[in-house]
PDB file of N, CA and C in Angstrom:
ATOM      1  N   MET A   1    -113.477 275.211  95.352  1.00  0.00           N
ATOM      2  CA  MET A   1    -114.160 275.605  96.565  1.00  0.00           C
ATOM      3  C   MET A   1    -113.122 275.898  97.651  1.00  0.00           C
ATOM      4  N   ALA A   2    -113.325 276.958  98.374  1.00  0.00           N
ATOM      5  CA  ALA A   2    -112.392 277.367  99.418  1.00  0.00           C
ATOM      6  C   ALA A   2    -112.544 276.486 100.652  1.00  0.00           C
ATOM      7  N   MET A   3    -111.436 276.288 101.319  1.00  0.00           N
ATOM      8  CA  MET A   3    -111.441 275.495 102.549  1.00  0.00           C
ATOM      9  C   MET A   3    -111.811 276.386 103.730  1.00  0.00           C
ATOM     10  N   THR A   4    -112.503 275.821 104.689  1.00  0.00           N
ATOM     11  CA  THR A   4    -112.825 276.548 105.910  1.00  0.00           C
ATOM     12  C   THR A   4    -111.612 276.538 106.837  1.00  0.00           C
ATOM     13  N   HIS A   5    -111.655 277.374 107.861  1.00  0.00           N
ATOM     14  CA  HIS A   5    -110.506 277.413 108.774  1.00  0.00           C
ATOM     15  C   HIS A   5    -110.338 276.082 109.499  1.00  0.00           C
ATOM     16  N   THR A   6    -111.421 275.378 109.767  1.00  0.00           N
ATOM     17  CA  THR A   6    -111.322 274.072 110.422  1.00  0.00           C
ATOM     18  C   THR A   6    -110.645 273.062 109.507  1.00  0.00           C
ATOM     19  N   GLU A   7    -111.004 273.083 108.227  1.00  0.00           N
ATOM     20  CA  GLU A   7    -110.381 272.179 107.255  1.00  0.00           C
ATOM     21  C   GLU A   7    -108.904 272.503 107.080  1.00  0.00           C
ATOM     22  N   LEU A   8    -108.577 273.791 107.065  1.00  0.00           N
ATOM     23  CA  LEU A   8    -107.180 274.187 106.925  1.00  0.00           C
ATOM     24  C   LEU A   8    -106.360 273.755 108.134  1.00  0.00           C
ATOM     25  N   GLN A   9    -106.906 273.922 109.320  1.00  0.00           N
ATOM     26  CA  GLN A   9    -106.189 273.496 110.522  1.00  0.00           C
ATOM     27  C   GLN A   9    -105.990 271.984 110.530  1.00  0.00           C
ATOM     28  N   ALA A  10    -106.993 271.245 110.068  1.00  0.00           N
ATOM     29  CA  ALA A  10    -106.860 269.787 109.988  1.00  0.00           C
ATOM     30  C   ALA A  10    -105.804 269.402 108.952  1.00  0.00           C
ATOM     31  N   ALA A  11    -105.777 270.117 107.835  1.00  0.00           N
ATOM     32  CA  ALA A  11    -104.780 269.844 106.800  1.00  0.00           C
ATOM     33  C   ALA A  11    -103.369 270.126 107.312  1.00  0.00           C
ATOM     34  N   ILE A  12    -103.214 271.207 108.067  1.00  0.00           N
ATOM     35  CA  ILE A  12    -101.903 271.551 108.634  1.00  0.00           C
ATOM     36  C   ILE A  12    -101.457 270.476 109.622  1.00  0.00           C
ATOM     37  N   THR A  13    -102.350 270.046 110.465  1.00  0.00           N
ATOM     38  CA  THR A  13    -102.034 269.001 111.439  1.00  0.00           C
ATOM     39  C   THR A  13    -101.638 267.707 110.735  1.00  0.00           C
ATOM     40  N   CYS A  14    -102.380 267.355 109.699  1.00  0.00           N
ATOM     41  CA  CYS A  14    -102.067 266.152 108.920  1.00  0.00           C
ATOM     42  C   CYS A  14    -100.700 266.275 108.254  1.00  0.00           C
ATOM     43  N   THR A  15    -100.418 267.453 107.712  1.00  0.00           N
ATOM     44  CA  THR A  15     -99.131 267.682 107.050  1.00  0.00           C
ATOM     45  C   THR A  15     -97.982 267.593 108.034  1.00  0.00           C
ATOM     46  N   ILE A  16     -98.171 268.117 109.235  1.00  0.00           N
ATOM     47  CA  ILE A  16     -97.133 268.037 110.274  1.00  0.00           C
ATOM     48  C   ILE A  16     -96.829 266.575 110.587  1.00  0.00           C
ATOM     49  N   THR A  17     -97.871 265.761 110.683  1.00  0.00           N
ATOM     50  CA  THR A  17     -97.695 264.333 110.938  1.00  0.00           C
ATOM     51  C   THR A  17     -96.940 263.662 109.802  1.00  0.00           C
ATOM     52  N   GLU A  18     -97.324 263.998 108.555  1.00  0.00           N
ATOM     53  CA  GLU A  18     -96.641 263.423 107.392  1.00  0.00           C
ATOM     54  C   GLU A  18     -95.174 263.819 107.349  1.00  0.00           C
ATOM     55  N   ILE A  19     -94.873 265.076 107.662  1.00  0.00           N
ATOM     56  CA  ILE A  19     -93.482 265.547 107.675  1.00  0.00           C
ATOM     57  C   ILE A  19     -92.674 264.758 108.696  1.00  0.00           C
ATOM     58  N   ALA A  20     -93.236 264.536 109.868  1.00  0.00           N
ATOM     59  CA  ALA A  20     -92.543 263.768 110.907  1.00  0.00           C
ATOM     60  C   ALA A  20     -92.278 262.337 110.436  1.00  0.00           C
ATOM     61  N   GLU A  21     -93.253 261.731 109.755  1.00  0.00           N
ATOM     62  CA  GLU A  21     -93.081 260.370 109.246  1.00  0.00           C
ATOM     63  C   GLU A  21     -91.981 260.318 108.184  1.00  0.00           C
ATOM     64  N   VAL A  22     -91.967 261.309 107.291  1.00  0.00           N
ATOM     65  CA  VAL A  22     -90.949 261.346 106.239  1.00  0.00           C
ATOM     66  C   VAL A  22     -89.567 261.567 106.844  1.00  0.00           C
ATOM     67  N   LYS A  23     -89.478 262.417 107.861  1.00  0.00           N
ATOM     68  CA  LYS A  23     -88.189 262.626 108.543  1.00  0.00           C
ATOM     69  C   LYS A  23     -87.674 261.317 109.130  1.00  0.00           C
ATOM     70  N   GLN A  24     -88.571 260.540 109.710  1.00  0.00           N
ATOM     71  CA  GLN A  24     -88.196 259.238 110.271  1.00  0.00           C
ATOM     72  C   GLN A  24     -87.692 258.311 109.165  1.00  0.00           C
ATOM     73  N   GLN A  25     -88.392 258.313 108.029  1.00  0.00           N
ATOM     74  CA  GLN A  25     -87.987 257.476 106.898  1.00  0.00           C
ATOM     75  C   GLN A  25     -86.634 257.905 106.352  1.00  0.00           C
ATOM     76  N   ILE A  26     -86.397 259.222 106.326  1.00  0.00           N
ATOM     77  CA  ILE A  26     -85.105 259.728 105.843  1.00  0.00           C
ATOM     78  C   ILE A  26     -83.981 259.218 106.735  1.00  0.00           C
ATOM     79  N   SER A  27     -84.194 259.251 108.035  1.00  0.00           N
ATOM     80  CA  SER A  27     -83.140 258.816 108.957  1.00  0.00           C
ATOM     81  C   SER A  27     -82.852 257.324 108.833  1.00  0.00           C
ATOM     82  N   GLN A  28     -83.814 256.555 108.353  1.00  0.00           N
ATOM     83  CA  GLN A  28     -83.626 255.116 108.215  1.00  0.00           C
ATOM     84  C   GLN A  28     -83.224 254.690 106.806  1.00  0.00           C
ATOM     85  N   ALA A  29     -83.308 255.600 105.841  1.00  0.00           N
ATOM     86  CA  ALA A  29     -83.004 255.256 104.447  1.00  0.00           C
ATOM     87  C   ALA A  29     -81.512 255.021 104.265  1.00  0.00           C
ATOM     88  N   THR A  30     -81.200 253.995 103.490  1.00  0.00           N
ATOM     89  CA  THR A  30     -79.802 253.700 103.193  1.00  0.00           C
ATOM     90  C   THR A  30     -79.466 253.985 101.734  1.00  0.00           C
ATOM     91  N   ASP A  31     -80.447 253.901 100.858  1.00  0.00           N
ATOM     92  CA  ASP A  31     -80.245 254.161  99.437  1.00  0.00           C
ATOM     93  C   ASP A  31     -80.291 255.672  99.175  1.00  0.00           C
ATOM     94  N   HIS A  32     -79.284 256.184  98.450  1.00  0.00           N
ATOM     95  CA  HIS A  32     -79.205 257.617  98.200  1.00  0.00           C
ATOM     96  C   HIS A  32     -80.379 258.118  97.368  1.00  0.00           C
ATOM     97  N   ARG A  33     -80.817 257.336  96.395  1.00  0.00           N
ATOM     98  CA  ARG A  33     -81.968 257.752  95.578  1.00  0.00           C
ATOM     99  C   ARG A  33     -83.226 257.861  96.423  1.00  0.00           C
ATOM    100  N   GLU A  34     -83.423 256.889  97.265  1.00  0.00           N
ATOM    101  CA  GLU A  34     -84.584 256.895  98.147  1.00  0.00           C
ATOM    102  C   GLU A  34     -84.519 258.082  99.107  1.00  0.00           C
ATOM    103  N   LYS A  35     -83.339 258.353  99.625  1.00  0.00           N
ATOM    104  CA  LYS A  35     -83.157 259.470 100.545  1.00  0.00           C
ATOM    105  C   LYS A  35     -83.463 260.798  99.852  1.00  0.00           C
ATOM    106  N   ARG A  36     -82.974 260.966  98.615  1.00  0.00           N
ATOM    107  CA  ARG A  36     -83.253 262.192  97.858  1.00  0.00           C
ATOM    108  C   ARG A  36     -84.744 262.336  97.568  1.00  0.00           C
ATOM    109  N   ARG A  37     -85.409 261.229  97.251  1.00  0.00           N
ATOM    110  CA  ARG A  37     -86.848 261.249  96.981  1.00  0.00           C
ATOM    111  C   ARG A  37     -87.614 261.672  98.230  1.00  0.00           C
ATOM    112  N   LEU A  38     -87.199 261.140  99.371  1.00  0.00           N
ATOM    113  CA  LEU A  38     -87.855 261.481 100.630  1.00  0.00           C
ATOM    114  C   LEU A  38     -87.616 262.941 101.016  1.00  0.00           C
ATOM    115  N   ILE A  39     -86.413 263.428 100.785  1.00  0.00           N
ATOM    116  CA  ILE A  39     -86.107 264.826 101.075  1.00  0.00           C
ATOM    117  C   ILE A  39     -86.954 265.739 100.195  1.00  0.00           C
ATOM    118  N   ARG A  40     -87.106 265.360  98.932  1.00  0.00           N
ATOM    119  CA  ARG A  40     -87.962 266.126  98.023  1.00  0.00           C
ATOM    120  C   ARG A  40     -89.406 266.126  98.512  1.00  0.00           C
ATOM    121  N   ARG A  41     -89.886 264.966  98.958  1.00  0.00           N
ATOM    122  CA  ARG A  41     -91.246 264.847  99.476  1.00  0.00           C
ATOM    123  C   ARG A  41     -91.432 265.718 100.723  1.00  0.00           C
ATOM    124  N   LYS A  42     -90.434 265.714 101.606  1.00  0.00           N
ATOM    125  CA  LYS A  42     -90.501 266.540 102.814  1.00  0.00           C
ATOM    126  C   LYS A  42     -90.592 268.020 102.446  1.00  0.00           C
ATOM    127  N   ARG A  43     -89.799 268.433 101.480  1.00  0.00           N
ATOM    128  CA  ARG A  43     -89.812 269.822 101.034  1.00  0.00           C
ATOM    129  C   ARG A  43     -91.180 270.189 100.448  1.00  0.00           C
ATOM    130  N   GLU A  44     -91.757 269.281  99.654  1.00  0.00           N
ATOM    131  CA  GLU A  44     -93.089 269.523  99.088  1.00  0.00           C
ATOM    132  C   GLU A  44     -94.125 269.679 100.203  1.00  0.00           C
ATOM    133  N   LEU A  45     -94.046 268.827 101.210  1.00  0.00           N
ATOM    134  CA  LEU A  45     -94.978 268.905 102.328  1.00  0.00           C
ATOM    135  C   LEU A  45     -94.802 270.209 103.104  1.00  0.00           C
ATOM    136  N   GLN A  46     -93.571 270.659 103.239  1.00  0.00           N
ATOM    137  CA  GLN A  46     -93.320 271.913 103.947  1.00  0.00           C
ATOM    138  C   GLN A  46     -93.907 273.098 103.176  1.00  0.00           C
ATOM    139  N   TYR A  47     -93.761 273.082 101.843  1.00  0.00           N
ATOM    140  CA  TYR A  47     -94.362 274.133 101.026  1.00  0.00           C
ATOM    141  C   TYR A  47     -95.882 274.089 101.122  1.00  0.00           C
ATOM    142  N   LEU A  48     -96.452 272.885 101.120  1.00  0.00           N
ATOM    143  CA  LEU A  48     -97.888 272.727 101.266  1.00  0.00           C
ATOM    144  C   LEU A  48     -98.358 273.292 102.604  1.00  0.00           C
ATOM    145  N   GLN A  49     -97.590 273.012 103.644  1.00  0.00           N
ATOM    146  CA  GLN A  49     -97.915 273.516 104.982  1.00  0.00           C
ATOM    147  C   GLN A  49     -97.888 275.044 104.997  1.00  0.00           C
ATOM    148  N   LEU A  50     -96.877 275.634 104.388  1.00  0.00           N
ATOM    149  CA  LEU A  50     -96.800 277.100 104.323  1.00  0.00           C
ATOM    150  C   LEU A  50     -97.973 277.683 103.550  1.00  0.00           C
ATOM    151  N   TRP A  51     -98.371 277.017 102.477  1.00  0.00           N
ATOM    152  CA  TRP A  51     -99.500 277.472 101.682  1.00  0.00           C
ATOM    153  C   TRP A  51    -100.784 277.427 102.507  1.00  0.00           C
ATOM    154  N   HIS A  52    -100.995 276.315 103.222  1.00  0.00           N
ATOM    155  CA  HIS A  52    -102.175 276.210 104.074  1.00  0.00           C
ATOM    156  C   HIS A  52    -102.163 277.294 105.148  1.00  0.00           C
ATOM    157  N   MET A  53    -101.004 277.549 105.717  1.00  0.00           N
ATOM    158  CA  MET A  53    -100.906 278.574 106.767  1.00  0.00           C
ATOM    159  C   MET A  53    -101.193 279.968 106.207  1.00  0.00           C
ATOM    160  N   SER A  54    -100.739 280.236 104.976  1.00  0.00           N
ATOM    161  CA  SER A  54    -101.024 281.547 104.385  1.00  0.00           C
ATOM    162  C   SER A  54    -102.513 281.689 104.086  1.00  0.00           C
ATOM    163  N   LEU A  55    -103.160 280.609 103.654  1.00  0.00           N
ATOM    164  CA  LEU A  55    -104.604 280.652 103.438  1.00  0.00           C
ATOM    165  C   LEU A  55    -105.338 280.893 104.744  1.00  0.00           C
ATOM    166  N   LEU A  56    -104.873 280.258 105.786  1.00  0.00           N
ATOM    167  CA  LEU A  56    -105.477 280.422 107.105  1.00  0.00           C
ATOM    168  C   LEU A  56    -105.308 281.861 107.595  1.00  0.00           C
ATOM    169  N   GLN A  57    -104.139 282.421 107.337  1.00  0.00           N
ATOM    170  CA  GLN A  57    -103.871 283.797 107.743  1.00  0.00           C
ATOM    171  C   GLN A  57    -104.780 284.760 106.978  1.00  0.00           C
ATOM    172  N   ARG A  58    -105.045 284.465 105.702  1.00  0.00           N
ATOM    173  CA  ARG A  58    -105.959 285.311 104.922  1.00  0.00           C
ATOM    174  C   ARG A  58    -107.367 285.300 105.496  1.00  0.00           C
ATOM    175  N   LEU A  59    -107.732 284.201 106.147  1.00  0.00           N
ATOM    176  CA  LEU A  59    -109.042 284.134 106.783  1.00  0.00           C
ATOM    177  C   LEU A  59    -109.055 284.875 108.118  1.00  0.00           C
ATOM    178  N   GLY A  60    -107.889 285.332 108.539  1.00  0.00           N
ATOM    179  CA  GLY A  60    -107.788 286.077 109.786  1.00  0.00           C
ATOM    180  C   GLY A  60    -107.609 285.194 111.014  1.00  0.00           C
ATOM    181  N   VAL A  61    -107.182 283.961 110.794  1.00  0.00           N
ATOM    182  CA  VAL A  61    -106.983 283.025 111.900  1.00  0.00           C
ATOM    183  C   VAL A  61    -105.504 282.688 111.971  1.00  0.00           C
ATOM    184  N   ASP A  62    -104.915 282.827 113.147  1.00  0.00           N
ATOM    185  CA  ASP A  62    -103.502 282.453 113.338  1.00  0.00           C
ATOM    186  C   ASP A  62    -103.441 281.013 113.809  1.00  0.00           C
ATOM    187  N   TYR A  63    -102.506 280.264 113.241  1.00  0.00           N
ATOM    188  CA  TYR A  63    -102.305 278.871 113.655  1.00  0.00           C
ATOM    189  C   TYR A  63    -101.136 278.819 114.610  1.00  0.00           C
ATOM    190  N   CYS A  64    -101.346 278.227 115.755  1.00  0.00           N
ATOM    191  CA  CYS A  64    -100.275 278.083 116.747  1.00  0.00           C
ATOM    192  C   CYS A  64    -100.149 276.659 117.178  1.00  0.00           C
TER     193      CYS A  64
END
């Protein structure tokens, strides 16, 4: 089922919050494995955010 523009905007906002939290965790991480895992997670969230934004753009709504 396709997401509505309201759901997509909420997902983008949630993803932005998650990215900020992961960035904070990265800055506090001391273990290299943990840091790499967090960086990978941040990258996944960024790709997810781009995907949501492209879906939103297909609906004709710009996210700002």
